[in-house]
């Protein structure tokens, strides 16, 4: 992320003396137990892109913080079609993520003052730069059908194994 064109282009939009703080969000539905009722949790973590990745990846460095949990409750599904059930789950997921991340909108636009490790006060703009998710969550975030590519517009039939070197 340190050499990214995105970072440079966003920084160029900010007033002189202010800095972008690239925010990285990660979610991963986690099964807590399979022995007593399939209990699960859906944590949402936040870290910053200006922290070197070797530090970010070590839990002992505390560079990643838990900012919330998403709902894992079963929804009432009686009388609903498969499409309606899927849409309901997607709406709940997106509304929950919106609630958790909404404070970033104003902070990103107006900026916020923070005190650095050297004691100096600086104005930063925390802006969502990256969302880290596994395949099922990528489908949920992009409202894509499971089994299709959440990153491109190719139909599922185009996603089968191709011969070595053959591109889509």
N, C-alpha and C. Protein backbone atom coordinates (compact mmCIF):
# COMPACT_ATOMS: atom_id res chain seq x y z
N UNK A 1 0.83 -1.19 0.00
CA UNK A 1 0.00 0.00 0.00
C UNK A 1 0.87 1.26 0.00
N UNK A 2 2.09 1.17 0.48
CA UNK A 2 2.94 2.34 0.61
C UNK A 2 3.32 2.94 -0.72
N UNK A 3 3.33 2.16 -1.78
CA UNK A 3 3.73 2.68 -3.09
C UNK A 3 2.53 2.83 -4.02
N UNK A 4 1.34 2.73 -3.50
CA UNK A 4 0.15 2.72 -4.33
C UNK A 4 -0.19 4.04 -4.98
N UNK A 5 -0.68 3.96 -6.21
CA UNK A 5 -1.13 5.15 -6.94
C UNK A 5 -2.36 5.75 -6.26
N UNK A 6 -3.20 4.87 -5.68
CA UNK A 6 -4.40 5.34 -5.00
C UNK A 6 -4.04 6.33 -3.90
N UNK A 7 -3.09 5.94 -3.06
CA UNK A 7 -2.68 6.77 -1.93
C UNK A 7 -2.21 8.13 -2.43
N UNK A 8 -1.39 8.15 -3.44
CA UNK A 8 -0.86 9.41 -3.97
C UNK A 8 -1.98 10.28 -4.54
N UNK A 9 -2.91 9.67 -5.27
CA UNK A 9 -3.99 10.46 -5.88
C UNK A 9 -4.93 11.04 -4.82
N UNK A 10 -5.20 10.30 -3.75
CA UNK A 10 -6.05 10.82 -2.68
C UNK A 10 -5.31 11.91 -1.91
N UNK A 11 -4.04 11.69 -1.62
CA UNK A 11 -3.25 12.69 -0.90
C UNK A 11 -3.21 14.02 -1.67
N UNK A 12 -3.16 13.95 -2.99
CA UNK A 12 -3.11 15.16 -3.81
C UNK A 12 -4.39 16.00 -3.69
N UNK A 13 -5.49 15.40 -3.28
CA UNK A 13 -6.76 16.12 -3.13
C UNK A 13 -6.87 16.87 -1.80
N UNK A 14 -6.00 16.55 -0.86
CA UNK A 14 -6.10 17.13 0.48
C UNK A 14 -5.35 18.46 0.57
N UNK A 15 -5.77 19.33 1.50
CA UNK A 15 -5.06 20.59 1.70
C UNK A 15 -3.61 20.35 2.16
N UNK A 16 -2.76 21.30 1.89
CA UNK A 16 -1.35 21.23 2.28
C UNK A 16 -1.25 21.00 3.79
N UNK A 17 -0.40 20.09 4.21
CA UNK A 17 -0.18 19.82 5.63
C UNK A 17 -1.10 18.77 6.22
N UNK A 18 -2.09 18.31 5.47
CA UNK A 18 -2.99 17.26 5.96
C UNK A 18 -2.65 15.96 5.26
N UNK A 19 -2.95 14.84 5.93
CA UNK A 19 -2.54 13.54 5.40
C UNK A 19 -3.71 12.57 5.35
N UNK A 20 -3.63 11.67 4.38
CA UNK A 20 -4.60 10.59 4.29
C UNK A 20 -4.15 9.48 5.25
N UNK A 21 -5.11 8.86 5.92
CA UNK A 21 -4.85 7.70 6.78
C UNK A 21 -5.65 6.54 6.18
N UNK A 22 -5.01 5.72 5.34
CA UNK A 22 -5.74 4.64 4.67
C UNK A 22 -6.25 3.61 5.68
N UNK A 23 -7.55 3.41 5.70
CA UNK A 23 -8.18 2.48 6.64
C UNK A 23 -8.39 1.14 5.95
N UNK A 24 -8.03 0.08 6.64
CA UNK A 24 -8.24 -1.28 6.14
C UNK A 24 -9.23 -1.95 7.08
N UNK A 25 -10.31 -2.47 6.51
CA UNK A 25 -11.34 -3.19 7.27
C UNK A 25 -11.26 -4.66 6.90
N UNK A 26 -11.41 -5.52 7.90
CA UNK A 26 -11.42 -6.96 7.64
C UNK A 26 -12.55 -7.61 8.43
N UNK A 27 -13.25 -8.53 7.79
CA UNK A 27 -14.28 -9.31 8.47
C UNK A 27 -14.04 -10.78 8.17
N UNK A 28 -14.44 -11.62 9.10
CA UNK A 28 -14.33 -13.05 8.87
C UNK A 28 -15.24 -13.77 9.85
N UNK A 29 -16.32 -14.33 9.33
CA UNK A 29 -17.24 -15.08 10.18
C UNK A 29 -16.48 -16.26 10.78
N UNK A 30 -16.54 -16.40 12.09
CA UNK A 30 -15.75 -17.38 12.81
C UNK A 30 -16.65 -18.31 13.61
N UNK A 31 -16.44 -19.60 13.43
CA UNK A 31 -17.19 -20.58 14.22
C UNK A 31 -16.49 -20.74 15.55
N UNK A 32 -17.22 -20.49 16.64
CA UNK A 32 -16.64 -20.59 17.98
C UNK A 32 -16.63 -22.03 18.47
N UNK A 33 -17.67 -22.78 18.13
CA UNK A 33 -17.75 -24.17 18.54
C UNK A 33 -18.67 -24.93 17.61
N UNK A 34 -18.38 -26.18 17.43
CA UNK A 34 -19.27 -27.04 16.65
C UNK A 34 -19.93 -28.09 17.53
N UNK A 35 -19.64 -28.00 18.83
CA UNK A 35 -20.12 -29.03 19.74
C UNK A 35 -21.34 -28.61 20.54
N UNK A 36 -21.61 -27.33 20.63
CA UNK A 36 -22.76 -26.91 21.44
C UNK A 36 -23.61 -25.88 20.71
N UNK A 37 -24.17 -26.29 19.59
CA UNK A 37 -25.12 -25.44 18.90
C UNK A 37 -24.57 -24.55 17.81
N UNK A 38 -23.42 -24.86 17.28
CA UNK A 38 -22.86 -24.08 16.17
C UNK A 38 -22.82 -22.58 16.47
N UNK A 39 -22.20 -22.20 17.55
CA UNK A 39 -22.08 -20.79 17.90
C UNK A 39 -21.03 -20.13 17.01
N UNK A 40 -21.33 -18.91 16.58
CA UNK A 40 -20.39 -18.20 15.72
C UNK A 40 -20.36 -16.71 16.07
N UNK A 41 -19.30 -16.06 15.63
CA UNK A 41 -19.15 -14.61 15.80
C UNK A 41 -18.74 -14.04 14.45
N UNK A 42 -19.00 -12.75 14.25
CA UNK A 42 -18.69 -12.10 12.98
C UNK A 42 -17.98 -10.78 13.28
N UNK A 43 -16.70 -10.85 13.69
CA UNK A 43 -15.99 -9.63 14.08
C UNK A 43 -15.61 -8.75 12.89
N UNK A 44 -15.51 -7.45 13.16
CA UNK A 44 -15.05 -6.46 12.19
C UNK A 44 -13.80 -5.82 12.79
N UNK A 45 -12.70 -5.90 12.05
CA UNK A 45 -11.42 -5.36 12.51
C UNK A 45 -11.01 -4.15 11.66
N UNK A 46 -10.25 -3.25 12.27
CA UNK A 46 -9.74 -2.07 11.59
C UNK A 46 -8.23 -1.96 11.83
N UNK A 47 -7.51 -1.63 10.79
CA UNK A 47 -6.09 -1.30 10.89
C UNK A 47 -5.81 -0.19 9.88
N UNK A 48 -4.60 0.33 9.91
CA UNK A 48 -4.24 1.43 9.01
C UNK A 48 -3.21 0.99 7.99
N UNK A 49 -3.31 1.54 6.80
CA UNK A 49 -2.43 1.17 5.71
C UNK A 49 -1.02 1.72 5.84
N UNK A 50 -0.81 2.70 6.73
CA UNK A 50 0.54 3.23 6.88
C UNK A 50 1.36 2.45 7.91
N UNK A 51 0.79 1.40 8.46
CA UNK A 51 1.52 0.50 9.35
C UNK A 51 2.13 -0.60 8.48
N UNK A 52 3.42 -0.84 8.58
CA UNK A 52 4.04 -1.88 7.75
C UNK A 52 3.35 -3.23 7.94
N UNK A 53 3.14 -3.96 6.84
CA UNK A 53 2.39 -5.22 6.91
C UNK A 53 3.01 -6.25 7.85
N UNK A 54 4.35 -6.36 8.00
CA UNK A 54 4.87 -7.33 8.97
C UNK A 54 4.42 -7.03 10.40
N UNK A 55 4.22 -5.76 10.71
CA UNK A 55 3.72 -5.38 12.04
C UNK A 55 2.22 -5.61 12.11
N UNK A 56 1.50 -5.22 11.04
CA UNK A 56 0.04 -5.37 11.00
C UNK A 56 -0.39 -6.82 11.21
N UNK A 57 0.39 -7.76 10.71
CA UNK A 57 0.02 -9.18 10.74
C UNK A 57 0.29 -9.87 12.07
N UNK A 58 0.98 -9.22 12.98
CA UNK A 58 1.32 -9.83 14.27
C UNK A 58 0.33 -9.37 15.33
N UNK A 59 -0.48 -10.29 15.85
CA UNK A 59 -1.43 -9.89 16.91
C UNK A 59 -0.74 -9.26 18.12
N UNK A 60 0.47 -9.69 18.41
CA UNK A 60 1.19 -9.16 19.58
C UNK A 60 1.53 -7.67 19.43
N UNK A 61 1.50 -7.14 18.21
CA UNK A 61 1.81 -5.73 17.97
C UNK A 61 0.60 -4.81 18.17
N UNK A 62 -0.58 -5.39 18.28
CA UNK A 62 -1.82 -4.64 18.52
C UNK A 62 -2.08 -3.55 17.48
N UNK A 63 -1.75 -3.84 16.22
CA UNK A 63 -1.97 -2.89 15.13
C UNK A 63 -3.36 -3.03 14.52
N UNK A 64 -4.09 -4.02 14.94
CA UNK A 64 -5.43 -4.29 14.43
C UNK A 64 -6.39 -4.25 15.61
N UNK A 65 -7.48 -3.48 15.50
CA UNK A 65 -8.42 -3.36 16.62
C UNK A 65 -9.80 -3.86 16.21
N UNK A 66 -10.48 -4.47 17.16
CA UNK A 66 -11.85 -4.91 16.97
C UNK A 66 -12.76 -3.70 17.11
N UNK A 67 -13.58 -3.42 16.07
CA UNK A 67 -14.46 -2.25 16.14
C UNK A 67 -15.93 -2.61 16.23
N UNK A 68 -16.26 -3.89 16.09
CA UNK A 68 -17.66 -4.29 16.20
C UNK A 68 -17.88 -5.72 15.79
N UNK A 69 -19.12 -6.15 15.96
CA UNK A 69 -19.55 -7.47 15.53
C UNK A 69 -20.77 -7.33 14.62
N UNK A 70 -20.83 -8.14 13.59
CA UNK A 70 -22.00 -8.19 12.72
C UNK A 70 -22.95 -9.26 13.24
N UNK A 71 -24.21 -9.15 12.88
CA UNK A 71 -25.23 -10.08 13.33
C UNK A 71 -24.99 -11.48 12.76
N UNK A 72 -25.16 -12.48 13.60
CA UNK A 72 -25.11 -13.87 13.15
C UNK A 72 -26.43 -14.58 13.47
N UNK A 73 -27.43 -13.80 13.85
CA UNK A 73 -28.74 -14.37 14.18
C UNK A 73 -29.40 -14.96 12.95
N UNK A 74 -30.16 -16.01 13.18
CA UNK A 74 -30.95 -16.61 12.10
C UNK A 74 -32.15 -15.70 11.85
N UNK A 75 -32.44 -15.46 10.58
CA UNK A 75 -33.58 -14.63 10.22
C UNK A 75 -34.83 -15.48 10.06
N UNK A 76 -35.98 -14.87 10.29
CA UNK A 76 -37.25 -15.56 10.04
C UNK A 76 -37.40 -15.71 8.53
N UNK A 77 -37.53 -16.96 8.08
CA UNK A 77 -37.53 -17.20 6.64
C UNK A 77 -38.81 -17.89 6.15
N UNK A 78 -39.77 -18.08 7.02
CA UNK A 78 -41.00 -18.76 6.60
C UNK A 78 -41.73 -17.95 5.55
N UNK A 79 -42.14 -18.63 4.50
CA UNK A 79 -42.91 -17.99 3.45
C UNK A 79 -42.11 -17.14 2.48
N UNK A 80 -40.79 -17.18 2.57
CA UNK A 80 -39.97 -16.38 1.68
C UNK A 80 -39.35 -17.25 0.60
N UNK A 81 -39.17 -16.68 -0.57
CA UNK A 81 -38.49 -17.40 -1.64
C UNK A 81 -36.98 -17.37 -1.36
N UNK A 82 -36.23 -18.17 -2.08
CA UNK A 82 -34.78 -18.19 -1.91
C UNK A 82 -34.19 -16.81 -2.17
N UNK A 83 -34.68 -16.13 -3.20
CA UNK A 83 -34.18 -14.79 -3.53
C UNK A 83 -34.49 -13.80 -2.41
N UNK A 84 -35.68 -13.90 -1.82
CA UNK A 84 -36.05 -13.00 -0.73
C UNK A 84 -35.19 -13.26 0.51
N UNK A 85 -34.90 -14.52 0.79
CA UNK A 85 -34.04 -14.86 1.93
C UNK A 85 -32.64 -14.28 1.72
N UNK A 86 -32.10 -14.47 0.53
CA UNK A 86 -30.77 -13.96 0.21
C UNK A 86 -30.74 -12.44 0.32
N UNK A 87 -31.75 -11.78 -0.22
CA UNK A 87 -31.82 -10.32 -0.18
C UNK A 87 -31.90 -9.82 1.26
N UNK A 88 -32.65 -10.52 2.10
CA UNK A 88 -32.79 -10.12 3.50
C UNK A 88 -31.45 -10.20 4.23
N UNK A 89 -30.70 -11.27 4.00
CA UNK A 89 -29.38 -11.43 4.61
C UNK A 89 -28.44 -10.34 4.12
N UNK A 90 -28.48 -10.05 2.81
CA UNK A 90 -27.62 -9.01 2.25
C UNK A 90 -27.95 -7.64 2.82
N UNK A 91 -29.24 -7.34 2.95
CA UNK A 91 -29.65 -6.04 3.51
C UNK A 91 -29.19 -5.88 4.95
N UNK A 92 -29.34 -6.96 5.75
CA UNK A 92 -28.91 -6.91 7.14
C UNK A 92 -27.39 -6.69 7.23
N UNK A 93 -26.64 -7.41 6.40
CA UNK A 93 -25.18 -7.27 6.39
C UNK A 93 -24.79 -5.83 6.04
N UNK A 94 -25.34 -5.31 4.94
CA UNK A 94 -24.98 -3.96 4.50
C UNK A 94 -25.41 -2.89 5.50
N UNK A 95 -26.57 -3.03 6.10
CA UNK A 95 -27.02 -2.06 7.11
C UNK A 95 -26.10 -2.10 8.33
N UNK A 96 -25.67 -3.29 8.72
CA UNK A 96 -24.77 -3.42 9.88
C UNK A 96 -23.41 -2.80 9.59
N UNK A 97 -22.85 -3.09 8.42
CA UNK A 97 -21.55 -2.52 8.06
C UNK A 97 -21.66 -0.99 7.96
N UNK A 98 -22.75 -0.50 7.39
CA UNK A 98 -22.98 0.95 7.29
C UNK A 98 -22.98 1.58 8.68
N UNK A 99 -23.67 0.97 9.63
CA UNK A 99 -23.75 1.51 10.98
C UNK A 99 -22.36 1.59 11.62
N UNK A 100 -21.56 0.56 11.41
CA UNK A 100 -20.22 0.53 12.01
C UNK A 100 -19.29 1.55 11.35
N UNK A 101 -19.36 1.68 10.03
CA UNK A 101 -18.40 2.52 9.30
C UNK A 101 -18.87 3.95 9.05
N UNK A 102 -20.12 4.27 9.35
CA UNK A 102 -20.66 5.60 9.07
C UNK A 102 -19.82 6.75 9.65
N UNK A 103 -19.27 6.62 10.87
CA UNK A 103 -18.45 7.72 11.40
C UNK A 103 -17.23 8.06 10.53
N UNK A 104 -16.78 7.12 9.71
CA UNK A 104 -15.63 7.39 8.84
C UNK A 104 -15.95 8.41 7.75
N UNK A 105 -17.22 8.53 7.38
CA UNK A 105 -17.59 9.44 6.29
C UNK A 105 -17.25 10.88 6.65
N UNK A 106 -17.77 11.34 7.77
CA UNK A 106 -17.51 12.73 8.18
C UNK A 106 -16.03 12.94 8.49
N UNK A 107 -15.42 11.97 9.18
CA UNK A 107 -13.99 12.09 9.51
C UNK A 107 -13.14 12.14 8.24
N UNK A 108 -13.54 11.38 7.22
CA UNK A 108 -12.80 11.39 5.96
C UNK A 108 -12.93 12.71 5.22
N UNK A 109 -14.13 13.29 5.25
CA UNK A 109 -14.36 14.57 4.56
C UNK A 109 -13.72 15.75 5.29
N UNK A 110 -14.01 15.86 6.59
CA UNK A 110 -13.56 17.03 7.35
C UNK A 110 -12.16 16.86 7.93
N UNK A 111 -11.73 15.62 8.12
CA UNK A 111 -10.45 15.36 8.77
C UNK A 111 -10.61 15.38 10.28
N UNK A 112 -9.57 14.95 10.96
CA UNK A 112 -9.59 14.95 12.42
C UNK A 112 -8.17 15.13 12.92
N UNK A 113 -8.05 15.78 14.07
CA UNK A 113 -6.73 16.01 14.63
C UNK A 113 -6.34 14.84 15.51
N UNK A 114 -5.11 14.37 15.33
CA UNK A 114 -4.58 13.27 16.14
C UNK A 114 -3.19 13.65 16.63
N UNK A 115 -2.82 13.07 17.74
CA UNK A 115 -1.49 13.30 18.29
C UNK A 115 -0.60 12.14 17.90
N UNK A 116 0.53 12.45 17.27
CA UNK A 116 1.47 11.43 16.82
C UNK A 116 2.36 10.96 17.95
N UNK A 117 3.17 9.95 17.66
CA UNK A 117 4.09 9.40 18.65
C UNK A 117 5.12 10.41 19.12
N UNK A 118 5.36 11.43 18.33
CA UNK A 118 6.32 12.48 18.70
C UNK A 118 5.67 13.63 19.47
N UNK A 119 4.36 13.52 19.72
CA UNK A 119 3.64 14.55 20.46
C UNK A 119 3.04 15.65 19.60
N UNK A 120 3.37 15.68 18.31
CA UNK A 120 2.84 16.71 17.41
C UNK A 120 1.40 16.38 17.03
N UNK A 121 0.58 17.43 16.92
CA UNK A 121 -0.81 17.26 16.51
C UNK A 121 -0.89 17.47 15.01
N UNK A 122 -1.51 16.51 14.32
CA UNK A 122 -1.62 16.57 12.87
C UNK A 122 -3.08 16.33 12.47
N UNK A 123 -3.44 16.85 11.30
CA UNK A 123 -4.78 16.61 10.78
C UNK A 123 -4.72 15.49 9.75
N UNK A 124 -5.53 14.45 9.98
CA UNK A 124 -5.56 13.32 9.06
C UNK A 124 -6.98 13.13 8.54
N UNK A 125 -7.08 12.41 7.44
CA UNK A 125 -8.36 12.06 6.84
C UNK A 125 -8.43 10.54 6.72
N UNK A 126 -9.13 9.87 7.67
CA UNK A 126 -9.24 8.41 7.57
C UNK A 126 -10.20 8.03 6.44
N UNK A 127 -9.68 7.33 5.44
CA UNK A 127 -10.47 6.97 4.26
C UNK A 127 -10.37 5.48 4.02
N UNK A 128 -11.51 4.83 3.81
CA UNK A 128 -11.51 3.39 3.56
C UNK A 128 -10.73 3.09 2.29
N UNK A 129 -9.67 2.31 2.43
CA UNK A 129 -8.79 2.00 1.31
C UNK A 129 -8.92 0.55 0.88
N UNK A 130 -9.25 -0.33 1.83
CA UNK A 130 -9.23 -1.75 1.51
C UNK A 130 -10.21 -2.50 2.42
N UNK A 131 -10.90 -3.46 1.84
CA UNK A 131 -11.79 -4.34 2.60
C UNK A 131 -11.27 -5.76 2.37
N UNK A 132 -10.81 -6.40 3.42
CA UNK A 132 -10.25 -7.75 3.32
C UNK A 132 -11.34 -8.75 3.68
N UNK A 133 -11.62 -9.67 2.75
CA UNK A 133 -12.68 -10.65 2.97
C UNK A 133 -12.38 -11.92 2.19
N UNK A 134 -12.87 -13.04 2.72
CA UNK A 134 -12.73 -14.28 1.97
C UNK A 134 -13.83 -14.34 0.90
N UNK A 135 -13.81 -15.40 0.10
CA UNK A 135 -14.72 -15.47 -1.05
C UNK A 135 -16.20 -15.33 -0.67
N UNK A 136 -16.72 -16.08 0.33
CA UNK A 136 -18.15 -15.91 0.65
C UNK A 136 -18.50 -14.47 1.04
N UNK A 137 -17.61 -13.81 1.76
CA UNK A 137 -17.87 -12.43 2.15
C UNK A 137 -17.74 -11.47 0.98
N UNK A 138 -16.84 -11.76 0.04
CA UNK A 138 -16.75 -10.93 -1.17
C UNK A 138 -18.07 -10.99 -1.93
N UNK A 139 -18.66 -12.17 -2.02
CA UNK A 139 -19.96 -12.30 -2.69
C UNK A 139 -21.03 -11.52 -1.94
N UNK A 140 -21.00 -11.58 -0.60
CA UNK A 140 -21.99 -10.87 0.21
C UNK A 140 -21.82 -9.35 0.07
N UNK A 141 -20.59 -8.87 0.11
CA UNK A 141 -20.32 -7.43 0.01
C UNK A 141 -20.74 -6.89 -1.35
N UNK A 142 -20.49 -7.65 -2.41
CA UNK A 142 -20.79 -7.18 -3.77
C UNK A 142 -22.17 -7.61 -4.26
N UNK A 143 -22.94 -8.30 -3.42
CA UNK A 143 -24.26 -8.82 -3.80
C UNK A 143 -24.16 -9.72 -5.04
N UNK A 144 -23.10 -10.51 -5.09
CA UNK A 144 -22.89 -11.44 -6.20
C UNK A 144 -23.41 -12.82 -5.83
N UNK A 145 -23.83 -13.55 -6.82
CA UNK A 145 -24.29 -14.92 -6.60
C UNK A 145 -23.09 -15.78 -6.27
N UNK A 146 -23.22 -16.63 -5.25
CA UNK A 146 -22.14 -17.54 -4.87
C UNK A 146 -21.83 -18.44 -6.06
N UNK A 147 -20.57 -18.58 -6.39
CA UNK A 147 -20.17 -19.38 -7.55
C UNK A 147 -19.80 -18.52 -8.74
N UNK A 148 -20.03 -17.21 -8.64
CA UNK A 148 -19.62 -16.29 -9.70
C UNK A 148 -18.45 -15.46 -9.19
N UNK A 149 -17.87 -14.69 -10.07
CA UNK A 149 -16.73 -13.85 -9.68
C UNK A 149 -17.25 -12.52 -9.14
N UNK A 150 -16.92 -12.18 -7.87
CA UNK A 150 -17.38 -10.91 -7.32
C UNK A 150 -16.59 -9.71 -7.82
N UNK A 151 -15.54 -9.94 -8.62
CA UNK A 151 -14.66 -8.85 -9.05
C UNK A 151 -14.85 -8.45 -10.51
N UNK A 152 -15.46 -9.30 -11.31
CA UNK A 152 -15.60 -8.97 -12.73
C UNK A 152 -17.02 -9.30 -13.19
N UNK A 153 -17.29 -9.07 -14.45
CA UNK A 153 -18.65 -9.26 -14.97
C UNK A 153 -18.78 -10.51 -15.83
N UNK A 154 -17.82 -11.40 -15.75
CA UNK A 154 -17.90 -12.61 -16.56
C UNK A 154 -18.94 -13.56 -15.96
N UNK A 155 -19.74 -14.20 -16.80
CA UNK A 155 -20.71 -15.18 -16.29
C UNK A 155 -19.98 -16.40 -15.72
N UNK A 156 -20.69 -17.15 -14.88
CA UNK A 156 -20.10 -18.31 -14.22
C UNK A 156 -19.52 -19.30 -15.22
N UNK A 157 -20.11 -19.41 -16.40
CA UNK A 157 -19.61 -20.37 -17.40
C UNK A 157 -18.21 -20.00 -17.88
N UNK A 158 -17.84 -18.73 -17.79
CA UNK A 158 -16.50 -18.29 -18.19
C UNK A 158 -15.45 -18.55 -17.12
N UNK A 159 -15.87 -18.93 -15.92
CA UNK A 159 -14.95 -19.05 -14.81
C UNK A 159 -14.41 -20.47 -14.62
N UNK A 160 -14.79 -21.38 -15.50
CA UNK A 160 -14.28 -22.74 -15.38
C UNK A 160 -12.79 -22.76 -15.69
N UNK A 161 -12.13 -23.87 -15.38
CA UNK A 161 -10.69 -23.98 -15.61
C UNK A 161 -10.36 -23.80 -17.08
N UNK A 162 -9.40 -22.95 -17.35
CA UNK A 162 -8.94 -22.71 -18.71
C UNK A 162 -7.61 -23.43 -18.90
N UNK A 163 -7.23 -23.61 -20.15
CA UNK A 163 -5.92 -24.20 -20.44
C UNK A 163 -4.83 -23.25 -19.95
N UNK A 164 -3.67 -23.79 -19.61
CA UNK A 164 -2.57 -22.98 -19.10
C UNK A 164 -2.26 -21.83 -20.06
N UNK A 165 -2.19 -20.63 -19.52
CA UNK A 165 -1.86 -19.46 -20.33
C UNK A 165 -3.05 -18.81 -21.01
N UNK A 166 -4.21 -19.43 -20.98
CA UNK A 166 -5.39 -18.86 -21.64
C UNK A 166 -6.07 -17.90 -20.68
N UNK A 167 -6.31 -16.69 -21.11
CA UNK A 167 -6.93 -15.68 -20.28
C UNK A 167 -8.38 -15.48 -20.67
N UNK A 168 -9.14 -14.94 -19.74
CA UNK A 168 -10.54 -14.60 -20.03
C UNK A 168 -10.60 -13.47 -21.02
